[in-house]
Amino acid sequence: MAFRTFFEARSFDVKTKYGKISDSDRERLEFDIMLGRGEVIAGTGGLKQIRCGLGGCYRKKHGWQVVFADYPEYSITFLLIRFPDKHIKALSRYELKKLKEAKKRIDSLVELKYGKEK
C-alpha cells in the first residue's frame, strides 16, 4: 500500500462531548481511507464521509462520521470534521454549502501545490 499524508483541520480533533479519537481508531480510519472506503456526500463537490469511532469504523452505536477530502493521486487526505454518527444524514443546506466551499478551497490549494490532476 502506498504512503499517504493526512492533514487535519483544527476542528477535526478537538475534544468534544463525543470524545477524542483514540490512536487505534485513527489508524483504522487512515487504513480504511487508503483502501478507498467512504461515501461521497451529495452536494459537497466530492467530499466523502466514513464512519469511525469506538469499536471500529463500522459500528453504528457509538461513533461519528468523519468528513474528508481525498486526493489519492497525490497521496494526501484532508480530515476536516467529525459529526455524531446520526448528524451527517441531517446536514442542512447551509452546512452542505459551507462544506462545498471548503472543498473548493482545498481543491485550489492542491492544484496550486501539485498542479492539475495527474
Protein backbone atom coordinates (compact mmCIF):
# COMPACT_ATOMS: atom_id res chain seq x y z
CA MET A 1 0.00 0.00 0.00
CA ALA A 2 1.25 3.46 -0.90
CA PHE A 3 2.35 6.10 1.56
CA ARG A 4 -0.30 8.71 2.40
CA THR A 5 -0.05 12.05 4.20
CA PHE A 6 -3.03 13.05 6.36
CA PHE A 7 -3.67 16.70 7.16
CA GLU A 8 -6.11 17.66 9.92
CA ALA A 9 -8.22 20.77 10.13
CA ARG A 10 -8.10 22.41 13.56
CA SER A 11 -11.72 21.49 14.10
CA PHE A 12 -11.15 17.80 13.38
CA ASP A 13 -9.60 16.51 16.57
CA VAL A 14 -10.91 18.86 19.21
CA LYS A 15 -12.09 17.05 22.29
CA THR A 16 -15.85 17.30 22.49
CA LYS A 17 -18.56 15.62 24.49
CA TYR A 18 -18.38 12.88 21.84
CA GLY A 19 -14.85 12.01 22.88
CA LYS A 20 -11.48 12.10 21.22
CA ILE A 21 -10.31 9.68 18.54
CA SER A 22 -8.04 7.03 20.01
CA ASP A 23 -4.77 6.12 18.32
CA SER A 24 -6.15 2.73 17.27
CA ASP A 25 -9.32 4.30 15.82
CA ARG A 26 -7.20 6.86 13.97
CA GLU A 27 -5.01 4.12 12.49
CA ARG A 28 -8.10 2.20 11.39
CA LEU A 29 -9.61 5.35 9.89
CA GLU A 30 -6.47 6.11 7.90
CA PHE A 31 -6.20 2.49 6.73
CA ASP A 32 -9.83 2.43 5.57
CA ILE A 33 -9.40 5.72 3.69
CA MET A 34 -6.28 4.37 1.95
CA LEU A 35 -8.33 1.35 0.88
CA GLY A 36 -10.74 3.74 -0.84
CA ARG A 37 -13.58 3.35 1.61
CA GLY A 38 -16.02 6.15 2.31
CA GLU A 39 -19.08 7.52 0.56
CA VAL A 40 -19.39 10.78 -1.36
CA ILE A 41 -21.64 13.34 0.36
CA ALA A 42 -24.02 14.69 -2.28
CA GLY A 43 -23.87 18.45 -2.76
CA THR A 44 -20.35 18.95 -1.38
CA GLY A 45 -18.24 18.87 -4.51
CA GLY A 46 -16.75 15.48 -3.77
CA LEU A 47 -16.18 15.37 -0.03
CA LYS A 48 -16.53 11.91 1.47
CA GLN A 49 -17.70 10.52 4.77
CA ILE A 50 -16.73 7.42 6.65
CA ARG A 51 -17.95 6.03 9.95
CA CYS A 52 -15.40 5.80 12.72
CA GLY A 53 -15.24 5.66 16.45
CA LEU A 54 -15.49 3.42 19.43
CA GLY A 55 -15.03 -0.19 18.46
CA GLY A 56 -14.05 0.33 14.83
CA CYS A 57 -15.12 2.17 11.75
CA TYR A 58 -18.28 0.20 11.11
CA ARG A 59 -20.05 0.16 14.48
CA LYS A 60 -23.11 2.35 14.36
CA LYS A 61 -23.94 2.87 18.03
CA HIS A 62 -21.00 4.77 19.48
CA GLY A 63 -19.14 6.66 16.85
CA TRP A 64 -19.06 9.52 14.46
CA GLN A 65 -18.89 10.31 10.78
CA VAL A 66 -15.62 11.75 9.54
CA VAL A 67 -15.77 14.15 6.59
CA PHE A 68 -12.65 14.22 4.44
CA ALA A 69 -11.25 15.37 1.12
CA ASP A 70 -9.24 12.64 -0.54
CA TYR A 71 -6.63 13.07 -3.26
CA PRO A 72 -5.18 9.58 -3.76
CA GLU A 73 -3.42 10.65 -6.97
CA TYR A 74 -1.25 12.94 -4.78
CA SER A 75 -1.23 10.60 -1.75
CA ILE A 76 -2.86 13.21 0.51
CA THR A 77 -6.06 13.34 2.53
CA PHE A 78 -7.56 16.22 4.49
CA LEU A 79 -9.54 15.22 7.59
CA LEU A 80 -11.98 18.09 8.01
CA ILE A 81 -14.54 17.48 10.69
CA ARG A 82 -16.42 14.80 12.53
CA PHE A 83 -20.06 14.67 13.49
CA PRO A 84 -22.01 12.44 15.84
CA ASP A 85 -22.95 9.36 13.85
CA LYS A 86 -26.53 10.36 13.10
CA HIS A 87 -25.95 14.05 12.38
CA ILE A 88 -24.38 13.62 8.93
CA LYS A 89 -27.63 12.35 7.47
CA ALA A 90 -29.36 15.58 8.50
CA LEU A 91 -26.96 18.24 7.23
CA SER A 92 -28.72 21.47 6.40
CA ARG A 93 -28.41 23.23 3.05
CA TYR A 94 -26.25 25.84 4.76
CA GLU A 95 -23.87 23.16 6.12
CA LEU A 96 -23.68 21.49 2.71
CA LYS A 97 -22.91 24.87 1.12
CA LYS A 98 -20.12 25.55 3.62
CA LEU A 99 -18.65 22.09 3.10
CA LYS A 100 -18.72 22.62 -0.68
CA GLU A 101 -16.94 25.97 -0.27
CA ALA A 102 -14.30 24.29 1.90
CA LYS A 103 -13.78 21.60 -0.76
CA LYS A 104 -13.29 24.25 -3.45
CA ARG A 105 -10.65 26.00 -1.31
CA ILE A 106 -8.84 22.71 -0.70
CA ASP A 107 -9.01 21.87 -4.44
CA SER A 108 -7.42 25.25 -5.20
CA LEU A 109 -4.62 24.68 -2.68
CA VAL A 110 -3.94 21.21 -4.02
CA GLU A 111 -3.86 22.49 -7.59
CA LEU A 112 -1.55 25.34 -6.60
CA LYS A 113 0.84 22.96 -4.85
CA TYR A 114 0.70 19.95 -7.18
CA GLY A 115 -0.69 21.26 -10.47
CA LYS A 116 -3.64 19.84 -12.37
CA GLU A 117 -4.75 16.27 -11.71
CA LYS A 118 -2.30 13.61 -12.76
